[in-house]
Amino acid sequence: VVLIKTGLSPRDLMSRLLMIEAQSGRIRSERYGPRTLDIDIIFYGRRIIREDGLSIPHPEFANRRFVLAPMTEIAPEWFCPVHGKTSADLLKICPDKKSVRRLADILFDNDADSFHHPNQSCNKATFHER
């Protein structure tokens, strides 16, 4: 989950995200099929948008712990205009009970300040959500 500020319209932002997916090698071969990368717009302010190819808030976000857990860390009091609940409240009642772990907790051991990936170097600040 990433919180951004943009001057792009929701439709233009979605177009940019789809371009990033394509440039990263994502191939859309089947709906709901496996994917190497999936970038969605979960919210766009408090707007509710239901257009062809664009649904905001994302229709399934409240059923996905992997969305709600990090979202609650970033903005626990964010109020969903569709569900009428905060992100923290939605996380408490989320039907998805799978565990969610921070990427930083997986990549860093307790004593490490950084890690090296073959294509990049990162430090803990890269993964800090706040």
C-alpha atoms as a PDB file:
ATOM      1  CA  VAL A   1       0.000   0.000   0.000  1.00  0.00           C
ATOM      2  CA  VAL A   2       1.307   3.394  -1.013  1.00  0.00           C
ATOM      3  CA  LEU A   3      -0.190   6.783  -0.213  1.00  0.00           C
ATOM      4  CA  ILE A   4       0.421   9.340  -2.966  1.00  0.00           C
ATOM      5  CA  LYS A   5      -0.613  12.850  -3.907  1.00  0.00           C
ATOM      6  CA  THR A   6      -1.258  13.396  -7.606  1.00  0.00           C
ATOM      7  CA  GLY A   7      -2.584  15.961 -10.011  1.00  0.00           C
ATOM      8  CA  LEU A   8      -3.708  13.190 -12.357  1.00  0.00           C
ATOM      9  CA  SER A   9      -7.372  12.388 -12.760  1.00  0.00           C
ATOM     10  CA  PRO A  10      -8.422   8.905 -11.594  1.00  0.00           C
ATOM     11  CA  ARG A  11      -8.643   7.713 -15.221  1.00  0.00           C
ATOM     12  CA  ASP A  12      -5.207   9.151 -16.097  1.00  0.00           C
ATOM     13  CA  LEU A  13      -3.686   7.648 -12.947  1.00  0.00           C
ATOM     14  CA  MET A  14      -5.110   4.235 -13.859  1.00  0.00           C
ATOM     15  CA  SER A  15      -3.654   4.562 -17.358  1.00  0.00           C
ATOM     16  CA  ARG A  16      -0.225   5.313 -15.873  1.00  0.00           C
ATOM     17  CA  LEU A  17      -0.471   2.334 -13.513  1.00  0.00           C
ATOM     18  CA  LEU A  18      -1.406   0.010 -16.368  1.00  0.00           C
ATOM     19  CA  MET A  19       1.580   1.336 -18.300  1.00  0.00           C
ATOM     20  CA  ILE A  20       3.882   0.577 -15.345  1.00  0.00           C
ATOM     21  CA  GLU A  21       2.486  -2.963 -15.170  1.00  0.00           C
ATOM     22  CA  ALA A  22       3.078  -3.477 -18.898  1.00  0.00           C
ATOM     23  CA  GLN A  23       6.616  -2.056 -18.730  1.00  0.00           C
ATOM     24  CA  SER A  24       7.286  -4.472 -15.866  1.00  0.00           C
ATOM     25  CA  GLY A  25       6.312  -7.428 -18.041  1.00  0.00           C
ATOM     26  CA  ARG A  26       2.752  -8.016 -16.918  1.00  0.00           C
ATOM     27  CA  ILE A  27       0.677  -9.846 -19.498  1.00  0.00           C
ATOM     28  CA  ARG A  28      -3.094  -9.843 -19.028  1.00  0.00           C
ATOM     29  CA  SER A  29      -4.036 -13.274 -20.335  1.00  0.00           C
ATOM     30  CA  GLU A  30      -6.972 -14.197 -18.092  1.00  0.00           C
ATOM     31  CA  ARG A  31      -9.217 -12.297 -15.692  1.00  0.00           C
ATOM     32  CA  TYR A  32      -8.355 -13.078 -12.047  1.00  0.00           C
ATOM     33  CA  GLY A  33      -5.472 -15.264 -13.235  1.00  0.00           C
ATOM     34  CA  PRO A  34      -1.950 -15.337 -11.811  1.00  0.00           C
ATOM     35  CA  ARG A  35       0.062 -12.166 -12.285  1.00  0.00           C
ATOM     36  CA  THR A  36       3.580 -10.937 -11.747  1.00  0.00           C
ATOM     37  CA  LEU A  37       2.434  -7.434 -10.793  1.00  0.00           C
ATOM     38  CA  ASP A  38      -0.948  -5.928  -9.931  1.00  0.00           C
ATOM     39  CA  ILE A  39      -1.283  -2.218  -9.178  1.00  0.00           C
ATOM     40  CA  ASP A  40      -4.722  -0.971  -8.171  1.00  0.00           C
ATOM     41  CA  ILE A  41      -6.213   2.315  -7.040  1.00  0.00           C
ATOM     42  CA  ILE A  42      -7.858   1.454  -3.736  1.00  0.00           C
ATOM     43  CA  PHE A  43      -9.115   4.986  -3.011  1.00  0.00           C
ATOM     44  CA  TYR A  44      -8.978   8.374  -4.657  1.00  0.00           C
ATOM     45  CA  GLY A  45      -9.793  10.766  -1.844  1.00  0.00           C
ATOM     46  CA  ARG A  46     -13.370  10.074  -0.804  1.00  0.00           C
ATOM     47  CA  ARG A  47     -14.643   9.739  -4.352  1.00  0.00           C
ATOM     48  CA  ILE A  48     -16.858   6.875  -5.463  1.00  0.00           C
ATOM     49  CA  ILE A  49     -16.326   6.066  -9.139  1.00  0.00           C
ATOM     50  CA  ARG A  50     -18.022   3.251 -11.033  1.00  0.00           C
ATOM     51  CA  GLU A  51     -17.110   3.493 -14.706  1.00  0.00           C
ATOM     52  CA  ASP A  52     -16.166   0.970 -17.356  1.00  0.00           C
ATOM     53  CA  GLY A  53     -12.696  -0.251 -16.373  1.00  0.00           C
ATOM     54  CA  LEU A  54     -12.466   1.909 -13.239  1.00  0.00           C
ATOM     55  CA  SER A  55     -14.011   1.158  -9.835  1.00  0.00           C
ATOM     56  CA  ILE A  56     -12.977   3.295  -6.872  1.00  0.00           C
ATOM     57  CA  PRO A  57     -12.951   2.361  -4.054  1.00  0.00           C
ATOM     58  CA  HIS A  58     -11.619  -0.955  -5.277  1.00  0.00           C
ATOM     59  CA  PRO A  59     -14.607  -3.330  -4.985  1.00  0.00           C
ATOM     60  CA  GLU A  60     -12.703  -6.071  -3.114  1.00  0.00           C
ATOM     61  CA  PHE A  61     -10.369  -4.097  -0.829  1.00  0.00           C
ATOM     62  CA  ALA A  62     -12.439  -4.742   2.316  1.00  0.00           C
ATOM     63  CA  ASN A  63     -12.031  -8.497   1.791  1.00  0.00           C
ATOM     64  CA  ARG A  64      -8.248  -8.360   1.492  1.00  0.00           C
ATOM     65  CA  ARG A  65      -6.153  -8.309   4.629  1.00  0.00           C
ATOM     66  CA  PHE A  66      -3.012  -7.667   2.547  1.00  0.00           C
ATOM     67  CA  VAL A  67      -4.564  -4.309   1.604  1.00  0.00           C
ATOM     68  CA  LEU A  68      -6.187  -3.411   4.924  1.00  0.00           C
ATOM     69  CA  ALA A  69      -3.273  -4.234   7.252  1.00  0.00           C
ATOM     70  CA  PRO A  70      -0.741  -1.833   5.703  1.00  0.00           C
ATOM     71  CA  MET A  71      -3.458   0.705   4.977  1.00  0.00           C
ATOM     72  CA  THR A  72      -4.386   0.724   8.655  1.00  0.00           C
ATOM     73  CA  GLU A  73      -0.742   1.414   9.559  1.00  0.00           C
ATOM     74  CA  ILE A  74      -0.673   4.403   7.212  1.00  0.00           C
ATOM     75  CA  ALA A  75      -4.170   5.783   7.863  1.00  0.00           C
ATOM     76  CA  PRO A  76      -6.117   3.954  10.607  1.00  0.00           C
ATOM     77  CA  GLU A  77      -8.842   6.613  10.778  1.00  0.00           C
ATOM     78  CA  TRP A  78      -9.411   6.850   7.023  1.00  0.00           C
ATOM     79  CA  PHE A  79     -13.163   6.606   6.488  1.00  0.00           C
ATOM     80  CA  CYS A  80     -14.500   4.531   3.588  1.00  0.00           C
ATOM     81  CA  PRO A  81     -17.417   6.301   1.889  1.00  0.00           C
ATOM     82  CA  VAL A  82     -18.901   2.982   0.696  1.00  0.00           C
ATOM     83  CA  HIS A  83     -18.695   0.878   3.868  1.00  0.00           C
ATOM     84  CA  GLY A  84     -19.105   3.728   6.364  1.00  0.00           C
ATOM     85  CA  LYS A  85     -16.203   2.440   8.482  1.00  0.00           C
ATOM     86  CA  THR A  86     -12.580   3.362   9.134  1.00  0.00           C
ATOM     87  CA  SER A  87      -9.761   1.268   7.714  1.00  0.00           C
ATOM     88  CA  ALA A  88      -9.021   0.043  11.270  1.00  0.00           C
ATOM     89  CA  ASP A  89     -12.632  -1.071  11.733  1.00  0.00           C
ATOM     90  CA  LEU A  90     -12.660  -2.807   8.346  1.00  0.00           C
ATOM     91  CA  LEU A  91      -9.477  -4.678   9.270  1.00  0.00           C
ATOM     92  CA  LYS A  92     -11.111  -5.959  12.481  1.00  0.00           C
ATOM     93  CA  ILE A  93     -13.999  -7.511  10.530  1.00  0.00           C
ATOM     94  CA  CYS A  94     -12.073  -8.564   7.416  1.00  0.00           C
ATOM     95  CA  PRO A  95     -13.064 -12.107   6.376  1.00  0.00           C
ATOM     96  CA  ASP A  96      -9.530 -12.803   5.068  1.00  0.00           C
ATOM     97  CA  LYS A  97      -7.596 -14.311   7.970  1.00  0.00           C
ATOM     98  CA  LYS A  98      -4.317 -14.950   6.122  1.00  0.00           C
ATOM     99  CA  SER A  99      -1.244 -13.507   7.777  1.00  0.00           C
ATOM    100  CA  VAL A 100       0.348 -10.359   6.365  1.00  0.00           C
ATOM    101  CA  ARG A 101       4.029  -9.579   6.902  1.00  0.00           C
ATOM    102  CA  ARG A 102       5.941  -6.423   6.160  1.00  0.00           C
ATOM    103  CA  LEU A 103       8.415  -6.709   3.349  1.00  0.00           C
ATOM    104  CA  ALA A 104      11.036  -5.079   5.574  1.00  0.00           C
ATOM    105  CA  ASP A 105      10.547  -7.807   8.200  1.00  0.00           C
ATOM    106  CA  ILE A 106      11.199 -10.445   5.564  1.00  0.00           C
ATOM    107  CA  LEU A 107      14.191  -8.765   3.899  1.00  0.00           C
ATOM    108  CA  PHE A 108      16.025  -7.511   6.974  1.00  0.00           C
ATOM    109  CA  ASP A 109      17.243  -9.510   9.893  1.00  0.00           C
ATOM    110  CA  ASN A 110      17.289  -7.791  13.291  1.00  0.00           C
ATOM    111  CA  ASP A 111      20.893  -6.624  13.026  1.00  0.00           C
ATOM    112  CA  ALA A 112      20.948  -5.550   9.392  1.00  0.00           C
ATOM    113  CA  ASP A 113      20.581  -1.937   8.360  1.00  0.00           C
ATOM    114  CA  SER A 114      20.414  -2.733   4.675  1.00  0.00           C
ATOM    115  CA  PHE A 115      20.159  -5.570   2.230  1.00  0.00           C
ATOM    116  CA  HIS A 116      21.446  -6.117  -1.253  1.00  0.00           C
ATOM    117  CA  HIS A 117      19.259  -7.315  -4.068  1.00  0.00           C
ATOM    118  CA  PRO A 118      20.969  -8.228  -7.364  1.00  0.00           C
ATOM    119  CA  ASN A 119      19.328  -5.249  -9.087  1.00  0.00           C
ATOM    120  CA  GLN A 120      19.336  -2.660  -6.316  1.00  0.00           C
ATOM    121  CA  SER A 121      20.469  -1.669  -2.863  1.00  0.00           C
ATOM    122  CA  CYS A 122      17.919  -0.606  -0.272  1.00  0.00           C
ATOM    123  CA  ASN A 123      17.934   0.494   3.325  1.00  0.00           C
ATOM    124  CA  LYS A 124      15.256   0.225   6.008  1.00  0.00           C
ATOM    125  CA  ALA A 125      13.983   3.726   5.315  1.00  0.00           C
ATOM    126  CA  THR A 126      12.917   2.577   1.858  1.00  0.00           C
ATOM    127  CA  PHE A 127      10.262   0.410   3.448  1.00  0.00           C
ATOM    128  CA  HIS A 128       9.139   2.687   6.254  1.00  0.00           C
ATOM    129  CA  GLU A 129       5.429   3.363   5.795  1.00  0.00           C
ATOM    130  CA  ARG A 130       5.114   6.591   7.754  1.00  0.00           C
END
